[in-house]
Amino acid sequence: MSVRYLHKLFQLEGATVGEWIRTQRLERCRRDLLRSPALGHGIATVARRWVSSAPAISAVPSARPTV
């Protein structure tokens, strides 16, 4: 599959590849934060795991309601 075709598929759905990737990372971060007390992880640990690997998500305002 070409990169161009991939972007076209996402465009048909009204999204971009970057938006989808960012949403997936934010969802996984949210999941980890919800599970973190049971696992003994703090916010800093979760943030280092997700934000350091994707610094662009740290600047994205929340588009979803918080839990």
PDB file of N, CA and C in Angstrom:
ATOM      1  N   MET A   1       0.845  -1.157   0.000  1.00  0.00           N
ATOM      2  CA  MET A   1       0.000   0.000   0.000  1.00  0.00           C
ATOM      3  C   MET A   1       0.905   1.240   0.000  1.00  0.00           C
ATOM      4  N   SER A   2       0.606   2.155  -0.862  1.00  0.00           N
ATOM      5  CA  SER A   2       1.420   3.367  -0.929  1.00  0.00           C
ATOM      6  C   SER A   2       0.982   4.358   0.146  1.00  0.00           C
ATOM      7  N   VAL A   3       1.878   5.267   0.488  1.00  0.00           N
ATOM      8  CA  VAL A   3       1.575   6.308   1.471  1.00  0.00           C
ATOM      9  C   VAL A   3       0.440   7.184   0.948  1.00  0.00           C
ATOM     10  N   ARG A   4       0.475   7.491  -0.308  1.00  0.00           N
ATOM     11  CA  ARG A   4      -0.568   8.329  -0.918  1.00  0.00           C
ATOM     12  C   ARG A   4      -1.938   7.669  -0.788  1.00  0.00           C
ATOM     13  N   TYR A   5      -2.013   6.381  -1.065  1.00  0.00           N
ATOM     14  CA  TYR A   5      -3.279   5.659  -0.966  1.00  0.00           C
ATOM     15  C   TYR A   5      -3.764   5.620   0.478  1.00  0.00           C
ATOM     16  N   LEU A   6      -2.850   5.415   1.408  1.00  0.00           N
ATOM     17  CA  LEU A   6      -3.204   5.406   2.828  1.00  0.00           C
ATOM     18  C   LEU A   6      -3.833   6.741   3.228  1.00  0.00           C
ATOM     19  N   HIS A   7      -3.206   7.839   2.827  1.00  0.00           N
ATOM     20  CA  HIS A   7      -3.744   9.158   3.142  1.00  0.00           C
ATOM     21  C   HIS A   7      -5.101   9.368   2.479  1.00  0.00           C
ATOM     22  N   LYS A   8      -5.278   8.857   1.289  1.00  0.00           N
ATOM     23  CA  LYS A   8      -6.564   8.983   0.594  1.00  0.00           C
ATOM     24  C   LYS A   8      -7.665   8.229   1.341  1.00  0.00           C
ATOM     25  N   LEU A   9      -7.345   7.047   1.852  1.00  0.00           N
ATOM     26  CA  LEU A   9      -8.330   6.280   2.623  1.00  0.00           C
ATOM     27  C   LEU A   9      -8.777   7.038   3.868  1.00  0.00           C
ATOM     28  N   PHE A  10      -7.825   7.639   4.553  1.00  0.00           N
ATOM     29  CA  PHE A  10      -8.169   8.412   5.737  1.00  0.00           C
ATOM     30  C   PHE A  10      -8.971   9.650   5.366  1.00  0.00           C
ATOM     31  N   GLN A  11      -8.628  10.272   4.250  1.00  0.00           N
ATOM     32  CA  GLN A  11      -9.344  11.459   3.809  1.00  0.00           C
ATOM     33  C   GLN A  11     -10.818  11.131   3.551  1.00  0.00           C
ATOM     34  N   LEU A  12     -11.083   9.961   3.008  1.00  0.00           N
ATOM     35  CA  LEU A  12     -12.459   9.545   2.759  1.00  0.00           C
ATOM     36  C   LEU A  12     -13.261   9.437   4.060  1.00  0.00           C
ATOM     37  N   GLU A  13     -12.572   9.167   5.163  1.00  0.00           N
ATOM     38  CA  GLU A  13     -13.214   9.059   6.470  1.00  0.00           C
ATOM     39  C   GLU A  13     -13.241  10.398   7.209  1.00  0.00           C
ATOM     40  N   GLY A  14     -12.688  11.438   6.585  1.00  0.00           N
ATOM     41  CA  GLY A  14     -12.680  12.757   7.205  1.00  0.00           C
ATOM     42  C   GLY A  14     -11.612  12.940   8.272  1.00  0.00           C
ATOM     43  N   ALA A  15     -10.535  12.209   8.156  1.00  0.00           N
ATOM     44  CA  ALA A  15      -9.455  12.289   9.142  1.00  0.00           C
ATOM     45  C   ALA A  15      -8.117  12.264   8.406  1.00  0.00           C
ATOM     46  N   THR A  16      -7.054  12.429   9.188  1.00  0.00           N
ATOM     47  CA  THR A  16      -5.715  12.284   8.631  1.00  0.00           C
ATOM     48  C   THR A  16      -5.017  11.147   9.368  1.00  0.00           C
ATOM     49  N   VAL A  17      -3.966  10.643   8.769  1.00  0.00           N
ATOM     50  CA  VAL A  17      -3.189   9.589   9.411  1.00  0.00           C
ATOM     51  C   VAL A  17      -2.638  10.096  10.742  1.00  0.00           C
ATOM     52  N   GLY A  18      -2.112  11.317  10.735  1.00  0.00           N
ATOM     53  CA  GLY A  18      -1.559  11.903  11.960  1.00  0.00           C
ATOM     54  C   GLY A  18      -2.582  12.034  13.067  1.00  0.00           C
ATOM     55  N   GLU A  19      -3.807  12.441  12.714  1.00  0.00           N
ATOM     56  CA  GLU A  19      -4.872  12.540  13.719  1.00  0.00           C
ATOM     57  C   GLU A  19      -5.187  11.171  14.319  1.00  0.00           C
ATOM     58  N   TRP A  20      -5.236  10.160  13.461  1.00  0.00           N
ATOM     59  CA  TRP A  20      -5.544   8.812  13.946  1.00  0.00           C
ATOM     60  C   TRP A  20      -4.457   8.310  14.894  1.00  0.00           C
ATOM     61  N   ILE A  21      -3.200   8.519  14.498  1.00  0.00           N
ATOM     62  CA  ILE A  21      -2.088   8.086  15.347  1.00  0.00           C
ATOM     63  C   ILE A  21      -2.134   8.816  16.685  1.00  0.00           C
ATOM     64  N   ARG A  22      -2.340  10.128  16.651  1.00  0.00           N
ATOM     65  CA  ARG A  22      -2.414  10.924  17.873  1.00  0.00           C
ATOM     66  C   ARG A  22      -3.560  10.437  18.763  1.00  0.00           C
ATOM     67  N   THR A  23      -4.718  10.178  18.174  1.00  0.00           N
ATOM     68  CA  THR A  23      -5.866   9.693  18.939  1.00  0.00           C
ATOM     69  C   THR A  23      -5.566   8.351  19.591  1.00  0.00           C
ATOM     70  N   GLN A  24      -4.923   7.454  18.856  1.00  0.00           N
ATOM     71  CA  GLN A  24      -4.573   6.143  19.409  1.00  0.00           C
ATOM     72  C   GLN A  24      -3.625   6.287  20.594  1.00  0.00           C
ATOM     73  N   ARG A  25      -2.618   7.142  20.459  1.00  0.00           N
ATOM     74  CA  ARG A  25      -1.666   7.355  21.549  1.00  0.00           C
ATOM     75  C   ARG A  25      -2.342   7.971  22.766  1.00  0.00           C
ATOM     76  N   LEU A  26      -3.214   8.954  22.530  1.00  0.00           N
ATOM     77  CA  LEU A  26      -3.925   9.579  23.646  1.00  0.00           C
ATOM     78  C   LEU A  26      -4.848   8.584  24.351  1.00  0.00           C
ATOM     79  N   GLU A  27      -5.508   7.733  23.582  1.00  0.00           N
ATOM     80  CA  GLU A  27      -6.373   6.712  24.182  1.00  0.00           C
ATOM     81  C   GLU A  27      -5.571   5.728  25.030  1.00  0.00           C
ATOM     82  N   ARG A  28      -4.414   5.336  24.549  1.00  0.00           N
ATOM     83  CA  ARG A  28      -3.568   4.410  25.316  1.00  0.00           C
ATOM     84  C   ARG A  28      -3.024   5.090  26.565  1.00  0.00           C
ATOM     85  N   CYS A  29      -2.703   6.362  26.442  1.00  0.00           N
ATOM     86  CA  CYS A  29      -2.255   7.135  27.604  1.00  0.00           C
ATOM     87  C   CYS A  29      -3.388   7.202  28.636  1.00  0.00           C
ATOM     88  N   ARG A  30      -4.588   7.507  28.176  1.00  0.00           N
ATOM     89  CA  ARG A  30      -5.763   7.558  29.060  1.00  0.00           C
ATOM     90  C   ARG A  30      -5.981   6.218  29.755  1.00  0.00           C
ATOM     91  N   ARG A  31      -5.895   5.139  28.990  1.00  0.00           N
ATOM     92  CA  ARG A  31      -6.061   3.800  29.552  1.00  0.00           C
ATOM     93  C   ARG A  31      -5.023   3.534  30.636  1.00  0.00           C
ATOM     94  N   ASP A  32      -3.773   3.884  30.338  1.00  0.00           N
ATOM     95  CA  ASP A  32      -2.710   3.662  31.314  1.00  0.00           C
ATOM     96  C   ASP A  32      -2.916   4.502  32.569  1.00  0.00           C
ATOM     97  N   LEU A  33      -3.392   5.737  32.391  1.00  0.00           N
ATOM     98  CA  LEU A  33      -3.639   6.591  33.556  1.00  0.00           C
ATOM     99  C   LEU A  33      -4.759   6.025  34.426  1.00  0.00           C
ATOM    100  N   LEU A  34      -5.793   5.481  33.801  1.00  0.00           N
ATOM    101  CA  LEU A  34      -6.891   4.887  34.565  1.00  0.00           C
ATOM    102  C   LEU A  34      -6.446   3.634  35.310  1.00  0.00           C
ATOM    103  N   ARG A  35      -5.502   2.892  34.733  1.00  0.00           N
ATOM    104  CA  ARG A  35      -5.008   1.662  35.357  1.00  0.00           C
ATOM    105  C   ARG A  35      -3.817   1.903  36.262  1.00  0.00           C
ATOM    106  N   SER A  36      -3.218   3.090  36.196  1.00  0.00           N
ATOM    107  CA  SER A  36      -1.959   3.340  36.891  1.00  0.00           C
ATOM    108  C   SER A  36      -2.006   3.127  38.407  1.00  0.00           C
ATOM    109  N   PRO A  37      -3.084   3.508  39.120  1.00  0.00           N
ATOM    110  CA  PRO A  37      -3.075   3.256  40.568  1.00  0.00           C
ATOM    111  C   PRO A  37      -2.950   1.764  40.900  1.00  0.00           C
ATOM    112  N   ALA A  38      -3.639   0.933  40.156  1.00  0.00           N
ATOM    113  CA  ALA A  38      -3.590  -0.506  40.413  1.00  0.00           C
ATOM    114  C   ALA A  38      -2.220  -1.085  40.075  1.00  0.00           C
ATOM    115  N   LEU A  39      -1.551  -0.480  39.110  1.00  0.00           N
ATOM    116  CA  LEU A  39      -0.242  -0.977  38.691  1.00  0.00           C
ATOM    117  C   LEU A  39       0.905  -0.322  39.445  1.00  0.00           C
ATOM    118  N   GLY A  40       0.580   0.707  40.209  1.00  0.00           N
ATOM    119  CA  GLY A  40       1.611   1.398  40.969  1.00  0.00           C
ATOM    120  C   GLY A  40       2.417   2.391  40.157  1.00  0.00           C
ATOM    121  N   HIS A  41       1.884   2.821  39.014  1.00  0.00           N
ATOM    122  CA  HIS A  41       2.566   3.805  38.177  1.00  0.00           C
ATOM    123  C   HIS A  41       2.000   5.188  38.459  1.00  0.00           C
ATOM    124  N   GLY A  42       2.875   6.161  38.505  1.00  0.00           N
ATOM    125  CA  GLY A  42       2.438   7.534  38.674  1.00  0.00           C
ATOM    126  C   GLY A  42       2.210   8.206  37.337  1.00  0.00           C
ATOM    127  N   ILE A  43       1.678   9.409  37.393  1.00  0.00           N
ATOM    128  CA  ILE A  43       1.417  10.171  36.179  1.00  0.00           C
ATOM    129  C   ILE A  43       2.708  10.411  35.406  1.00  0.00           C
ATOM    130  N   ALA A  44       3.784  10.713  36.115  1.00  0.00           N
ATOM    131  CA  ALA A  44       5.060  10.984  35.444  1.00  0.00           C
ATOM    132  C   ALA A  44       5.537   9.776  34.638  1.00  0.00           C
ATOM    133  N   THR A  45       5.344   8.590  35.164  1.00  0.00           N
ATOM    134  CA  THR A  45       5.761   7.380  34.453  1.00  0.00           C
ATOM    135  C   THR A  45       4.971   7.211  33.163  1.00  0.00           C
ATOM    136  N   VAL A  46       3.658   7.399  33.251  1.00  0.00           N
ATOM    137  CA  VAL A  46       2.810   7.272  32.063  1.00  0.00           C
ATOM    138  C   VAL A  46       3.168   8.366  31.056  1.00  0.00           C
ATOM    139  N   ALA A  47       3.357   9.583  31.541  1.00  0.00           N
ATOM    140  CA  ALA A  47       3.700  10.693  30.645  1.00  0.00           C
ATOM    141  C   ALA A  47       5.014  10.430  29.922  1.00  0.00           C
ATOM    142  N   ARG A  48       6.010   9.953  30.642  1.00  0.00           N
ATOM    143  CA  ARG A  48       7.297   9.643  30.002  1.00  0.00           C
ATOM    144  C   ARG A  48       7.129   8.571  28.930  1.00  0.00           C
ATOM    145  N   ARG A  49       6.299   7.603  29.213  1.00  0.00           N
ATOM    146  CA  ARG A  49       6.103   6.501  28.261  1.00  0.00           C
ATOM    147  C   ARG A  49       5.472   7.005  26.966  1.00  0.00           C
ATOM    148  N   TRP A  50       4.452   7.841  27.060  1.00  0.00           N
ATOM    149  CA  TRP A  50       3.704   8.242  25.876  1.00  0.00           C
ATOM    150  C   TRP A  50       4.129   9.572  25.282  1.00  0.00           C
ATOM    151  N   VAL A  51       4.365  10.567  26.088  1.00  0.00           N
ATOM    152  CA  VAL A  51       4.669  11.891  25.547  1.00  0.00           C
ATOM    153  C   VAL A  51       6.088  11.968  25.016  1.00  0.00           C
ATOM    154  N   SER A  52       7.021  11.317  25.675  1.00  0.00           N
ATOM    155  CA  SER A  52       8.399  11.368  25.176  1.00  0.00           C
ATOM    156  C   SER A  52       8.531  10.671  23.830  1.00  0.00           C
ATOM    157  N   SER A  53       7.681   9.691  23.576  1.00  0.00           N
ATOM    158  CA  SER A  53       7.732   9.012  22.285  1.00  0.00           C
ATOM    159  C   SER A  53       6.933   9.758  21.221  1.00  0.00           C
ATOM    160  N   ALA A  54       6.111  10.714  21.648  1.00  0.00           N
ATOM    161  CA  ALA A  54       5.287  11.493  20.717  1.00  0.00           C
ATOM    162  C   ALA A  54       5.098  12.898  21.268  1.00  0.00           C
ATOM    163  N   PRO A  55       6.140  13.728  21.210  1.00  0.00           N
ATOM    164  CA  PRO A  55       6.049  15.053  21.824  1.00  0.00           C
ATOM    165  C   PRO A  55       4.914  15.912  21.285  1.00  0.00           C
ATOM    166  N   ALA A  56       4.449  15.648  20.091  1.00  0.00           N
ATOM    167  CA  ALA A  56       3.376  16.471  19.521  1.00  0.00           C
ATOM    168  C   ALA A  56       2.070  16.347  20.298  1.00  0.00           C
ATOM    169  N   ILE A  57       1.841  15.236  20.994  1.00  0.00           N
ATOM    170  CA  ILE A  57       0.579  15.102  21.716  1.00  0.00           C
ATOM    171  C   ILE A  57       0.550  15.951  22.971  1.00  0.00           C
ATOM    172  N   SER A  58       1.693  16.397  23.452  1.00  0.00           N
ATOM    173  CA  SER A  58       1.700  17.223  24.661  1.00  0.00           C
ATOM    174  C   SER A  58       1.138  18.605  24.397  1.00  0.00           C
ATOM    175  N   ALA A  59       1.097  19.026  23.142  1.00  0.00           N
ATOM    176  CA  ALA A  59       0.604  20.350  22.801  1.00  0.00           C
ATOM    177  C   ALA A  59      -0.824  20.344  22.269  1.00  0.00           C
ATOM    178  N   VAL A  60      -1.468  19.191  22.251  1.00  0.00           N
ATOM    179  CA  VAL A  60      -2.809  19.073  21.714  1.00  0.00           C
ATOM    180  C   VAL A  60      -3.824  19.318  22.813  1.00  0.00           C
ATOM    181  N   PRO A  61      -4.724  20.301  22.628  1.00  0.00           N
ATOM    182  CA  PRO A  61      -5.760  20.517  23.632  1.00  0.00           C
ATOM    183  C   PRO A  61      -6.730  19.339  23.672  1.00  0.00           C
ATOM    184  N   SER A  62      -7.316  19.126  24.808  1.00  0.00           N
ATOM    185  CA  SER A  62      -8.245  18.012  24.960  1.00  0.00           C
ATOM    186  C   SER A  62      -9.510  18.256  24.153  1.00  0.00           C
ATOM    187  N   ALA A  63      -9.830  17.310  23.292  1.00  0.00           N
ATOM    188  CA  ALA A  63     -11.048  17.401  22.501  1.00  0.00           C
ATOM    189  C   ALA A  63     -12.118  16.480  23.066  1.00  0.00           C
ATOM    190  N   ARG A  64     -11.758  15.728  24.096  1.00  0.00           N
ATOM    191  CA  ARG A  64     -12.689  14.770  24.676  1.00  0.00           C
ATOM    192  C   ARG A  64     -12.935  15.125  26.131  1.00  0.00           C
ATOM    193  N   PRO A  65     -14.111  14.821  26.611  1.00  0.00           N
ATOM    194  CA  PRO A  65     -14.387  15.083  28.032  1.00  0.00           C
ATOM    195  C   PRO A  65     -13.500  14.209  28.912  1.00  0.00           C
ATOM    196  N   THR A  66     -13.123  14.729  30.053  1.00  0.00           N
ATOM    197  CA  THR A  66     -12.297  13.952  30.974  1.00  0.00           C
ATOM    198  C   THR A  66     -13.167  13.007  31.781  1.00  0.00           C
ATOM    199  N   VAL A  67     -12.531  11.993  32.315  1.00  0.00           N
ATOM    200  CA  VAL A  67     -13.255  10.994  33.095  1.00  0.00           C
ATOM    201  C   VAL A  67     -13.216  11.359  34.547  1.00  0.00           C
TER     202      VAL A  67
END
